[in-house]
Amino acid sequence: MVSGDGARGERLGVTMMGGDVRTAAAVAGRCEYRGYASVWTAEFYDRSGTVSLAAMAASTKRIDVGSAIMYALGRSPVLLVAEARDLDELSGGRLRLGLGTGTTGQVKDWHGLSAEHLAPKVEELVPLVRRLWNLDQGPVIHEGRFHHVKIYPTTEMPPPLRREIPIYIAAVNPRMVEAAAKVGEGLVGHPLYSPEYVEQVVRPALERGARQGGKVGSVPIAGYVLCSVAPTTEEARRAAAAQIAFYTVVRTFEPILALHRFDDETNAIRAAFKNRDMQGAIDAVSDRMLDAFACYGTADEALQRYRHRFAGVYEEPLLFAPSIGHSAGPHRVMMEAVVDAFAELRVAA
């Protein structure tokens, strides 16, 4: 079994997944007060990553703010860069831009786009984003395989707050991991990553991508870590199990589940979801699955699980609390519990 040993010098971050915009701002301020290195926001069909990120930036002064992730293909490259420039300006140069395509189903059904060749699309997009970031230096004309932009600034345009911005790419399959290393500054690790998947699949793919991009040194991972902290172990366990069950339904993550031989659990969870039996899906999450993917329990128990399982796995762990089945109020309570419980582990930037 792979387990963390704390050997990698970690910066510690927190990701807001779920909740509302006011909670995002409040938790960001709490993270800054507690000494975390970064705070991130996610995006889904019911939550804009940019608006939540703006609230986080406006409510903090020092902590890095990042998107984990913003949808890369649901926006035009021009709009994507315009929003990112605004966010970097609002934060005073603290933005880390995390981009991801989402699953093939999300690309097709949510955005109405082709889900073919996603990794090559990202490899073409990121250099284009960098050119548009510096649009004040002259026109950008790009006729690529997937992206087409022709823009001539019609008025004098101020320069960005800084000439370069760190871009992180989210990935699960090895080909997209390679793309992240080839064109990005870092990888956003999925919540269902396990230490074994990182060691056996992700790190080798990062090395291949870095070589393709002519990079020297390793590409860092800012990886989600599911942390469920509650007054009782059972309450924390149930919340973590609901989150794991939610991800297990998505076929994109089958390589991770197969690596751990979770075939029986996967089949039972998917059957329950198909019958709209959420309780049955949660009950089908085994202790072995929980141990593979989550740090849960009382504050002390969750910390102990983290130290045993995830310490040292990522250059920057991104702690997040379960959001499935939680309304804004209870979700905020658990987010604050996670921030407070893990504060002793943070490493100052």
Protein backbone atom coordinates (compact mmCIF):
# COMPACT_ATOMS: atom_id res chain seq x y z
CA MET A 1 0.00 0.00 0.00
CA VAL A 2 1.18 3.50 -0.85
CA SER A 3 0.86 5.99 1.96
CA GLY A 4 2.05 9.50 2.57
CA ASP A 5 5.26 10.12 4.44
CA GLY A 6 5.39 13.90 4.32
CA ALA A 7 8.60 13.86 2.28
CA ARG A 8 7.37 16.40 -0.28
CA GLY A 9 7.44 19.96 0.97
CA GLU A 10 3.73 20.74 0.95
CA ARG A 11 1.89 24.00 0.62
CA LEU A 12 -1.61 23.46 1.92
CA GLY A 13 -4.69 24.78 0.16
CA VAL A 14 -8.46 24.54 0.48
CA THR A 15 -11.06 24.18 -2.27
CA MET A 16 -14.65 25.30 -2.03
CA MET A 17 -16.89 22.78 -3.75
CA GLY A 18 -20.55 23.53 -3.24
CA GLY A 19 -22.00 26.08 -0.87
CA ASP A 20 -22.81 29.63 -1.91
CA VAL A 21 -20.85 32.75 -2.84
CA ARG A 22 -21.00 34.27 0.65
CA THR A 23 -19.67 31.03 2.13
CA ALA A 24 -16.84 31.03 -0.42
CA ALA A 25 -15.83 34.52 0.66
CA ALA A 26 -16.07 33.71 4.37
CA VAL A 27 -14.10 30.47 4.08
CA ALA A 28 -11.42 32.22 2.02
CA GLY A 29 -10.98 34.79 4.77
CA ARG A 30 -10.79 32.02 7.36
CA CYS A 31 -8.13 30.21 5.32
CA GLU A 32 -6.03 33.36 5.08
CA TYR A 33 -6.33 33.96 8.82
CA ARG A 34 -5.34 30.34 9.49
CA GLY A 35 -2.22 30.62 7.35
CA TYR A 36 -3.10 28.47 4.36
CA ALA A 37 -1.14 28.99 1.14
CA SER A 38 -4.09 29.01 -1.25
CA VAL A 39 -7.85 28.85 -1.58
CA TRP A 40 -9.62 27.61 -4.68
CA THR A 41 -13.11 27.41 -6.11
CA ALA A 42 -14.82 24.90 -8.37
CA GLU A 43 -17.40 25.30 -11.13
CA PHE A 44 -20.50 23.28 -11.89
CA TYR A 45 -23.82 23.71 -13.66
CA ASP A 46 -25.21 25.55 -10.63
CA ARG A 47 -22.17 27.62 -9.64
CA SER A 48 -19.95 30.05 -11.55
CA GLY A 49 -16.27 29.65 -10.79
CA THR A 50 -15.47 33.23 -11.72
CA VAL A 51 -18.04 34.90 -9.46
CA SER A 52 -17.07 32.79 -6.44
CA LEU A 53 -13.41 33.45 -7.17
CA ALA A 54 -14.04 37.19 -7.36
CA ALA A 55 -15.70 37.05 -3.94
CA MET A 56 -12.71 35.15 -2.54
CA ALA A 57 -10.25 37.61 -4.04
CA ALA A 58 -12.14 40.61 -2.70
CA SER A 59 -12.34 39.16 0.82
CA THR A 60 -8.60 38.37 1.13
CA LYS A 61 -5.29 40.20 0.77
CA ARG A 62 -2.40 37.72 0.80
CA ILE A 63 -3.50 34.16 0.10
CA ASP A 64 -3.27 32.77 -3.46
CA VAL A 65 -6.66 32.31 -5.13
CA GLY A 66 -7.23 29.72 -7.81
CA SER A 67 -9.83 28.00 -9.95
CA ALA A 68 -10.00 24.24 -9.62
CA ILE A 69 -11.44 24.41 -12.11
CA MET A 70 -12.98 26.80 -14.63
CA TYR A 71 -14.34 25.11 -17.75
CA ALA A 72 -11.81 25.63 -20.51
CA LEU A 73 -14.04 24.85 -23.48
CA GLY A 74 -17.32 26.38 -22.32
CA ARG A 75 -15.94 29.87 -22.86
CA SER A 76 -14.32 31.41 -25.90
CA PRO A 77 -10.57 31.98 -25.44
CA VAL A 78 -11.13 35.75 -25.51
CA LEU A 79 -13.78 35.66 -22.77
CA LEU A 80 -11.70 33.25 -20.71
CA VAL A 81 -8.72 35.59 -20.75
CA ALA A 82 -10.80 38.70 -20.09
CA GLU A 83 -12.28 37.09 -16.98
CA ALA A 84 -8.87 35.87 -15.82
CA ARG A 85 -7.32 39.32 -16.27
CA ASP A 86 -10.10 40.85 -14.18
CA LEU A 87 -9.61 38.25 -11.45
CA ASP A 88 -5.85 38.74 -11.39
CA GLU A 89 -6.32 42.49 -11.17
CA LEU A 90 -8.90 42.16 -8.38
CA SER A 91 -6.62 39.86 -6.39
CA GLY A 92 -3.52 41.97 -6.89
CA GLY A 93 -1.69 39.30 -8.87
CA ARG A 94 -2.63 36.28 -6.73
CA LEU A 95 -4.55 34.26 -9.32
CA ARG A 96 -3.69 30.73 -10.36
CA LEU A 97 -5.79 29.83 -13.36
CA GLY A 98 -6.95 26.22 -13.22
CA LEU A 99 -8.66 24.98 -16.38
CA GLY A 100 -10.36 21.71 -17.22
CA THR A 101 -12.55 20.31 -19.94
CA GLY A 102 -14.83 18.29 -17.69
CA THR A 103 -15.98 14.84 -18.76
CA THR A 104 -16.91 14.03 -22.34
CA GLY A 105 -20.56 14.05 -21.30
CA GLN A 106 -20.25 17.53 -19.83
CA VAL A 107 -18.53 18.84 -22.95
CA LYS A 108 -21.23 17.40 -25.23
CA ASP A 109 -24.36 17.80 -23.15
CA TRP A 110 -23.68 20.95 -21.12
CA HIS A 111 -21.70 23.02 -23.59
CA GLY A 112 -22.95 21.57 -26.86
CA LEU A 113 -19.43 20.98 -28.14
CA SER A 114 -17.56 18.08 -29.67
CA ALA A 115 -15.87 15.94 -27.04
CA GLU A 116 -13.28 14.54 -29.43
CA HIS A 117 -9.56 15.31 -29.12
CA LEU A 118 -9.86 17.01 -25.74
CA ALA A 119 -6.16 16.84 -24.86
CA PRO A 120 -5.02 18.34 -28.20
CA LYS A 121 -7.62 21.09 -27.76
CA VAL A 122 -6.11 21.99 -24.39
CA GLU A 123 -2.58 21.86 -25.81
CA GLU A 124 -3.64 24.39 -28.44
CA LEU A 125 -5.69 26.53 -26.06
CA VAL A 126 -3.11 27.24 -23.36
CA PRO A 127 -0.50 28.91 -25.64
CA LEU A 128 -3.36 30.92 -27.17
CA VAL A 129 -4.43 32.04 -23.70
CA ARG A 130 -0.89 33.27 -23.05
CA ARG A 131 -0.91 35.30 -26.27
CA LEU A 132 -4.31 36.82 -25.48
CA TRP A 133 -3.12 37.59 -21.97
CA ASN A 134 -0.64 40.02 -23.54
CA LEU A 135 -3.04 41.42 -26.13
CA ASP A 136 -1.82 44.93 -25.33
CA GLN A 137 1.36 44.08 -27.22
CA GLY A 138 -0.42 43.67 -30.54
CA PRO A 139 -3.08 41.77 -32.51
CA VAL A 140 -3.62 38.06 -31.99
CA ILE A 141 -4.38 36.04 -35.11
CA HIS A 142 -4.74 32.31 -34.58
CA GLU A 143 -6.04 29.82 -37.14
CA GLY A 144 -5.52 26.49 -35.44
CA ARG A 145 -6.95 23.03 -35.67
CA PHE A 146 -9.57 23.72 -32.99
CA HIS A 147 -9.45 27.41 -32.07
CA HIS A 148 -9.86 30.41 -34.36
CA VAL A 149 -9.25 33.94 -33.12
CA LYS A 150 -8.63 37.18 -34.97
CA ILE A 151 -8.59 40.20 -32.72
CA TYR A 152 -7.20 43.68 -33.23
CA PRO A 153 -7.50 45.94 -30.17
CA THR A 154 -9.44 49.02 -31.27
CA THR A 155 -8.34 51.21 -28.38
CA GLU A 156 -5.21 51.50 -26.30
CA MET A 157 -5.21 48.54 -23.95
CA PRO A 158 -3.56 48.53 -20.52
CA PRO A 159 -1.05 45.76 -19.85
CA PRO A 160 -1.96 42.92 -17.51
CA LEU A 161 -0.88 43.22 -13.92
CA ARG A 162 1.88 40.70 -14.71
CA ARG A 163 3.12 39.30 -18.00
CA GLU A 164 2.80 35.64 -17.05
CA ILE A 165 0.13 33.80 -15.10
CA PRO A 166 0.42 30.25 -13.73
CA ILE A 167 -1.95 27.92 -15.57
CA TYR A 168 -2.91 24.56 -14.08
CA ILE A 169 -4.73 21.86 -16.05
CA ALA A 170 -7.10 19.28 -14.57
CA ALA A 171 -6.74 15.72 -15.79
CA VAL A 172 -7.65 12.12 -15.03
CA ASN A 173 -6.56 10.05 -18.03
CA PRO A 174 -2.83 9.82 -18.83
CA ARG A 175 -3.10 11.65 -22.16
CA MET A 176 -4.58 14.74 -20.50
CA VAL A 177 -2.03 14.51 -17.69
CA GLU A 178 0.67 14.66 -20.36
CA ALA A 179 -0.98 17.74 -21.83
CA ALA A 180 -1.03 19.41 -18.41
CA ALA A 181 2.70 18.90 -18.03
CA LYS A 182 3.46 19.87 -21.61
CA VAL A 183 1.72 23.26 -21.67
CA GLY A 184 0.84 24.10 -18.06
CA GLU A 185 2.64 25.03 -14.86
CA GLY A 186 0.84 22.43 -12.80
CA LEU A 187 -1.80 19.71 -12.63
CA VAL A 188 -5.09 19.86 -10.73
CA GLY A 189 -5.60 16.38 -9.27
CA HIS A 190 -9.13 14.98 -9.19
CA PRO A 191 -10.87 14.20 -5.87
CA LEU A 192 -10.84 10.50 -6.76
CA TYR A 193 -7.08 10.35 -7.22
CA SER A 194 -5.50 7.88 -4.83
CA PRO A 195 -1.83 7.75 -3.81
CA GLU A 196 -1.51 4.55 -5.87
CA TYR A 197 -2.99 6.16 -8.98
CA VAL A 198 -0.71 9.16 -8.55
CA GLU A 199 2.38 6.98 -8.21
CA GLN A 200 1.60 4.43 -10.91
CA VAL A 201 -0.19 6.54 -13.53
CA VAL A 202 -0.04 10.29 -12.91
CA ARG A 203 3.63 10.89 -12.09
CA PRO A 204 4.90 8.85 -15.08
CA ALA A 205 2.49 10.73 -17.40
CA LEU A 206 3.67 14.05 -15.98
CA GLU A 207 7.26 13.08 -16.71
CA ARG A 208 6.38 12.20 -20.31
CA GLY A 209 4.51 15.45 -20.82
CA ALA A 210 7.29 17.52 -19.30
CA ARG A 211 9.79 15.95 -21.71
CA GLN A 212 7.48 16.70 -24.63
CA GLY A 213 7.30 20.31 -23.51
CA GLY A 214 11.06 20.57 -23.08
CA LYS A 215 10.77 21.20 -19.35
CA VAL A 216 13.37 20.51 -16.71
CA GLY A 217 12.22 19.36 -13.27
CA SER A 218 8.92 18.01 -12.02
CA VAL A 219 5.47 19.47 -12.63
CA PRO A 220 3.62 20.07 -9.34
CA ILE A 221 0.23 18.64 -8.49
CA ALA A 222 -2.39 20.65 -6.66
CA GLY A 223 -4.52 17.68 -5.70
CA TYR A 224 -7.96 17.50 -4.16
CA VAL A 225 -8.17 15.60 -0.87
CA LEU A 226 -11.61 14.67 0.46
CA CYS A 227 -11.77 15.63 4.14
CA SER A 228 -14.92 14.96 6.13
CA VAL A 229 -14.83 16.26 9.70
CA ALA A 230 -17.82 15.93 12.02
CA PRO A 231 -18.60 15.50 15.73
CA THR A 232 -19.00 11.74 15.23
CA THR A 233 -17.12 9.28 13.04
CA GLU A 234 -20.34 7.89 11.57
CA GLU A 235 -21.58 11.33 10.50
CA ALA A 236 -18.26 12.07 8.82
CA ARG A 237 -18.19 8.64 7.20
CA ARG A 238 -21.64 9.04 5.69
CA ALA A 239 -20.80 12.44 4.21
CA ALA A 240 -17.59 11.12 2.67
CA ALA A 241 -19.36 8.03 1.33
CA ALA A 242 -21.98 10.18 -0.42
CA GLN A 243 -19.25 12.13 -2.21
CA ILE A 244 -17.41 8.97 -3.28
CA ALA A 245 -20.63 7.38 -4.51
CA PHE A 246 -21.33 10.45 -6.63
CA TYR A 247 -17.97 10.15 -8.40
CA THR A 248 -18.19 6.39 -8.78
CA VAL A 249 -21.16 6.73 -11.11
CA VAL A 250 -19.03 8.63 -13.66
CA ARG A 251 -17.37 6.23 -16.10
CA THR A 252 -14.44 8.60 -16.66
CA PHE A 253 -13.06 7.43 -13.34
CA GLU A 254 -13.19 3.69 -14.08
CA PRO A 255 -9.39 3.40 -14.45
CA ILE A 256 -8.95 4.57 -10.86
CA LEU A 257 -11.67 2.29 -9.55
CA ALA A 258 -10.30 -0.65 -11.54
CA LEU A 259 -6.80 -0.08 -10.18
CA HIS A 260 -8.18 -0.70 -6.69
CA ARG A 261 -10.44 -3.56 -7.84
CA PHE A 262 -13.61 -1.85 -6.69
CA ASP A 263 -15.72 -3.73 -9.25
CA ASP A 264 -18.32 -5.00 -6.77
CA GLU A 265 -18.74 -1.63 -5.09
CA THR A 266 -18.91 0.18 -8.43
CA ASN A 267 -21.63 -2.11 -9.78
CA ALA A 268 -23.70 -1.82 -6.59
CA ILE A 269 -23.38 1.97 -6.44
CA ARG A 270 -24.35 2.42 -10.08
CA ALA A 271 -27.30 0.09 -9.74
CA ALA A 272 -28.55 2.06 -6.74
CA PHE A 273 -28.13 5.37 -8.56
CA LYS A 274 -30.02 4.01 -11.54
CA ASN A 275 -32.91 3.23 -9.19
CA ARG A 276 -32.58 6.68 -7.54
CA ASP A 277 -31.67 4.96 -4.29
CA MET A 278 -29.15 7.37 -2.78
CA GLN A 279 -29.11 5.59 0.56
CA GLY A 280 -28.34 2.32 -1.19
CA ALA A 281 -25.51 3.97 -3.10
CA ILE A 282 -24.01 5.34 0.10
CA ASP A 283 -24.33 1.98 1.84
CA ALA A 284 -22.48 0.33 -1.06
CA VAL A 285 -19.36 2.43 -0.42
CA SER A 286 -17.09 0.04 1.46
CA ASP A 287 -14.64 0.87 4.21
CA ARG A 288 -11.89 0.01 1.75
CA MET A 289 -13.14 2.69 -0.65
CA LEU A 290 -13.31 5.23 2.13
CA ASP A 291 -9.79 4.41 3.23
CA ALA A 292 -8.56 4.77 -0.35
CA PHE A 293 -10.08 8.16 -1.11
CA ALA A 294 -10.99 10.05 2.06
CA CYS A 295 -9.79 11.45 5.37
CA TYR A 296 -12.82 11.29 7.63
CA GLY A 297 -13.88 11.21 11.26
CA THR A 298 -13.57 13.57 14.17
CA ALA A 299 -10.92 16.25 13.76
CA ASP A 300 -8.21 14.06 15.30
CA GLU A 301 -9.26 10.99 13.31
CA ALA A 302 -9.32 12.85 10.00
CA LEU A 303 -5.87 14.31 10.66
CA GLN A 304 -4.52 10.88 11.51
CA ARG A 305 -5.94 9.43 8.28
CA TYR A 306 -4.41 12.28 6.30
CA ARG A 307 -0.98 11.80 7.83
CA HIS A 308 -1.11 8.07 7.14
CA ARG A 309 -2.55 8.23 3.64
CA PHE A 310 -2.05 11.57 1.89
CA ALA A 311 0.80 13.47 3.52
CA GLY A 312 3.52 13.99 0.92
CA VAL A 313 1.46 12.75 -2.03
CA TYR A 314 0.97 16.22 -3.57
CA GLU A 315 3.07 19.34 -3.69
CA GLU A 316 -0.09 21.22 -2.76
CA PRO A 317 -2.99 19.28 -1.25
CA LEU A 318 -6.34 21.01 -1.76
CA LEU A 319 -8.61 20.03 1.12
CA PHE A 320 -12.33 19.99 0.44
CA ALA A 321 -15.41 18.99 2.40
CA PRO A 322 -18.18 16.78 1.00
CA SER A 323 -20.92 18.74 -0.74
CA ILE A 324 -23.29 16.03 -1.97
CA GLY A 325 -26.49 16.13 0.04
CA HIS A 326 -25.45 19.21 2.03
CA SER A 327 -27.29 22.52 1.92
CA ALA A 328 -25.29 25.74 2.23
CA GLY A 329 -25.46 25.94 6.03
CA PRO A 330 -24.23 22.45 6.95
CA HIS A 331 -21.66 22.58 4.16
CA ARG A 332 -20.20 25.78 5.58
CA VAL A 333 -20.02 24.23 9.05
CA MET A 334 -18.03 21.27 7.73
CA MET A 335 -15.78 23.47 5.57
CA GLU A 336 -14.89 25.56 8.61
CA ALA A 337 -14.29 22.39 10.63
CA VAL A 338 -11.86 21.15 7.97
CA VAL A 339 -10.04 24.48 7.78
CA ASP A 340 -9.63 24.61 11.56
CA ALA A 341 -8.69 20.94 11.98
CA PHE A 342 -5.96 20.93 9.34
CA ALA A 343 -4.51 24.38 10.03
CA GLU A 344 -1.64 22.92 12.04
CA LEU A 345 -0.33 21.18 8.91
CA ARG A 346 -0.07 24.22 6.67
CA VAL A 347 3.30 25.37 5.39
CA ALA A 348 3.69 29.07 4.87
CA ALA A 349 4.31 30.07 1.27
